[in-house]
Every structure is written in structure tokens, then in C-alpha cells.
Amino acid sequence: GQYLTIWYANIPEEVAFFHKRLATDLGEGLFVLTILAHFAIPFVGLIPNKMRTTPVPVIIASLLVMVGYVGEKVFYIEPAAAVSPMTALLGTVALGLPIVAIALAGIKELAEAPPTPPVSHH
């Protein structure tokens, strides 16, 4: 979330924070995952009007944003906690499973709901 501001300001203390995290393969992967899942894929995916007005793509985009959020938090704590890649993956899955379960229940409920009639714009 703060990467662009820190990069632009070139604050040495903050640059060291990111340098330490980007020096590992896990840190690089989490950084890319965060940018893609938190912004790029949901933004591009929801550009078409049909995608924004259909519940399933919006739910999928929301899940991607949540994955990006968790990835960002792991990115911040990874060096200090000395987290192995497998531990980070398992922790992310454990945190994300309840969210995915709720989203899938919502998708199932939406699929079973009767269609709503179109709105007339007179």
C-alpha cells in the first residue's frame, strides 16, 4: 500500500524496510502477488460493465483482493518472523479458507436465487 509513496520520497529508513523484504524469493513473490491480486487483476477484470454487474465475478475479484491483503501482511512480517515459504503458504490458506467458504456459500445462494426483473429507466 505504501510502496509508491516510499519509493517516490526515497526515505532511507523506509527503503531499507522494503530492500530487506525484496531480498528473498518469498518476499519478491509476495510483492508481485500483492500487486496483481490487490489491484491489477481485479481492476482489469472488472472494467467491462457486464463483469461489474454480475455477482460471481465481483465475488471472485473480492477474494483476489483479500488474498492480496493477506499476502501484503505476510510480506510485512516475513523477515522479522523468519517464516518459511511453506509456513507462509499454509498460514495464508488457513486465513483464507473461511473467507472462501463464505464466498462460495454466497455464490451458491446467488445461483439458486430467482432472477431479478430488469429495471426500467423511463
Protein backbone atom coordinates (compact mmCIF):
# COMPACT_ATOMS: atom_id res chain seq x y z
CA GLY A 1 0.00 0.00 0.00
CA GLN A 2 2.78 2.47 0.83
CA TYR A 3 5.40 1.30 -1.67
CA LEU A 4 4.83 4.06 -4.23
CA THR A 5 4.96 6.82 -1.62
CA ILE A 6 8.12 5.41 -0.03
CA TRP A 7 9.78 4.91 -3.42
CA TYR A 8 8.92 8.44 -4.53
CA ALA A 9 10.10 10.05 -1.28
CA ASN A 10 13.28 7.91 -1.21
CA ILE A 11 13.35 7.84 2.61
CA PRO A 12 16.43 5.75 3.54
CA GLU A 13 14.85 4.06 6.60
CA GLU A 14 11.79 3.03 4.63
CA VAL A 15 13.77 1.92 1.57
CA ALA A 16 15.78 -0.41 3.83
CA PHE A 17 12.48 -1.89 5.05
CA PHE A 18 11.49 -2.86 1.51
CA HIS A 19 15.02 -3.83 0.45
CA LYS A 20 15.21 -6.38 3.28
CA ARG A 21 11.88 -7.90 2.23
CA LEU A 22 12.56 -7.91 -1.51
CA ALA A 23 15.95 -9.61 -0.99
CA THR A 24 14.27 -13.01 -0.54
CA ASP A 25 12.45 -15.11 -3.13
CA LEU A 26 9.41 -15.29 -0.87
CA GLY A 27 9.42 -11.50 -0.48
CA GLU A 28 9.59 -10.96 -4.24
CA GLY A 29 6.78 -13.43 -4.83
CA LEU A 30 4.60 -11.87 -2.16
CA PHE A 31 5.25 -8.41 -3.56
CA VAL A 32 4.18 -9.47 -7.07
CA LEU A 33 1.19 -11.40 -5.67
CA THR A 34 0.11 -8.34 -3.72
CA ILE A 35 0.23 -6.03 -6.72
CA LEU A 36 -1.57 -8.50 -9.00
CA ALA A 37 -4.20 -9.71 -6.53
CA HIS A 38 -4.76 -6.44 -4.70
CA PHE A 39 -5.05 -4.23 -7.77
CA ALA A 40 -4.15 -5.30 -11.31
CA ILE A 41 -6.31 -8.41 -11.87
CA PRO A 42 -9.47 -7.11 -10.12
CA PHE A 43 -9.16 -3.71 -11.83
CA VAL A 44 -8.74 -5.09 -15.33
CA GLY A 45 -11.24 -7.89 -14.73
CA LEU A 46 -13.98 -5.52 -13.60
CA ILE A 47 -13.59 -2.97 -16.39
CA PRO A 48 -16.36 -4.48 -18.57
CA ASN A 49 -19.81 -3.40 -17.33
CA LYS A 50 -21.14 -6.98 -17.50
CA MET A 51 -18.43 -8.14 -15.10
CA ARG A 52 -19.26 -5.41 -12.57
CA THR A 53 -22.98 -6.19 -12.64
CA THR A 54 -22.68 -9.99 -12.35
CA PRO A 55 -22.23 -11.22 -8.76
CA VAL A 56 -19.82 -14.10 -9.39
CA PRO A 57 -17.01 -12.03 -11.00
CA VAL A 58 -17.38 -9.40 -8.27
CA ILE A 59 -17.08 -12.09 -5.58
CA ILE A 60 -14.02 -13.56 -7.31
CA ALA A 61 -12.45 -10.09 -7.54
CA SER A 62 -13.21 -9.56 -3.84
CA LEU A 63 -11.50 -12.83 -2.98
CA LEU A 64 -8.47 -11.79 -5.01
CA VAL A 65 -8.28 -8.51 -3.13
CA MET A 66 -8.44 -10.42 0.16
CA VAL A 67 -5.64 -12.75 -0.99
CA GLY A 68 -3.59 -9.68 -1.89
CA TYR A 69 -4.30 -8.18 1.52
CA VAL A 70 -3.11 -11.32 3.33
CA GLY A 71 -0.07 -11.50 1.02
CA GLU A 72 0.79 -7.90 1.90
CA LYS A 73 0.60 -8.64 5.64
CA VAL A 74 2.81 -11.72 5.25
CA PHE A 75 5.23 -9.58 3.18
CA TYR A 76 5.49 -7.12 6.08
CA ILE A 77 6.12 -9.71 8.82
CA GLU A 78 8.08 -12.35 6.88
CA PRO A 79 11.65 -11.21 7.61
CA ALA A 80 11.02 -10.47 11.27
CA ALA A 81 9.23 -13.77 11.84
CA ALA A 82 11.69 -15.82 9.71
CA VAL A 83 8.74 -17.53 8.04
CA SER A 84 9.50 -20.36 5.65
CA PRO A 85 7.66 -20.33 2.30
CA MET A 86 5.62 -23.41 3.30
CA THR A 87 4.59 -21.83 6.61
CA ALA A 88 3.56 -18.65 4.82
CA LEU A 89 1.54 -20.66 2.29
CA LEU A 90 -0.18 -22.73 4.99
CA GLY A 91 -0.93 -19.64 7.07
CA THR A 92 -2.38 -17.84 4.07
CA VAL A 93 -4.55 -20.83 3.20
CA ALA A 94 -5.70 -21.19 6.82
CA LEU A 95 -6.64 -17.50 6.99
CA GLY A 96 -8.29 -17.58 3.58
CA LEU A 97 -10.37 -20.75 3.92
CA PRO A 98 -13.17 -19.20 5.98
CA ILE A 99 -13.36 -16.28 3.55
CA VAL A 100 -13.50 -18.62 0.55
CA ALA A 101 -16.16 -20.77 2.25
CA ILE A 102 -18.34 -17.72 2.90
CA ALA A 103 -17.87 -16.51 -0.67
CA LEU A 104 -18.72 -19.93 -2.13
CA ALA A 105 -21.84 -20.09 0.03
CA GLY A 106 -22.78 -16.67 -1.35
CA ILE A 107 -22.21 -17.85 -4.93
CA LYS A 108 -24.36 -20.93 -4.33
CA GLU A 109 -27.11 -18.78 -2.81
CA LEU A 110 -26.95 -16.36 -5.76
CA ALA A 111 -27.11 -19.23 -8.25
CA GLU A 112 -30.23 -20.63 -6.58
CA ALA A 113 -31.99 -17.27 -6.23
CA PRO A 114 -34.68 -16.37 -8.75
CA PRO A 115 -33.54 -13.82 -11.32
CA THR A 116 -34.41 -10.23 -10.59
CA PRO A 117 -36.58 -8.47 -13.15
CA PRO A 118 -34.87 -5.80 -15.25
CA VAL A 119 -35.19 -2.23 -14.05
CA SER A 120 -36.97 0.16 -16.38
CA HIS A 121 -35.30 3.55 -16.84
CA HIS A 122 -38.14 5.82 -18.05
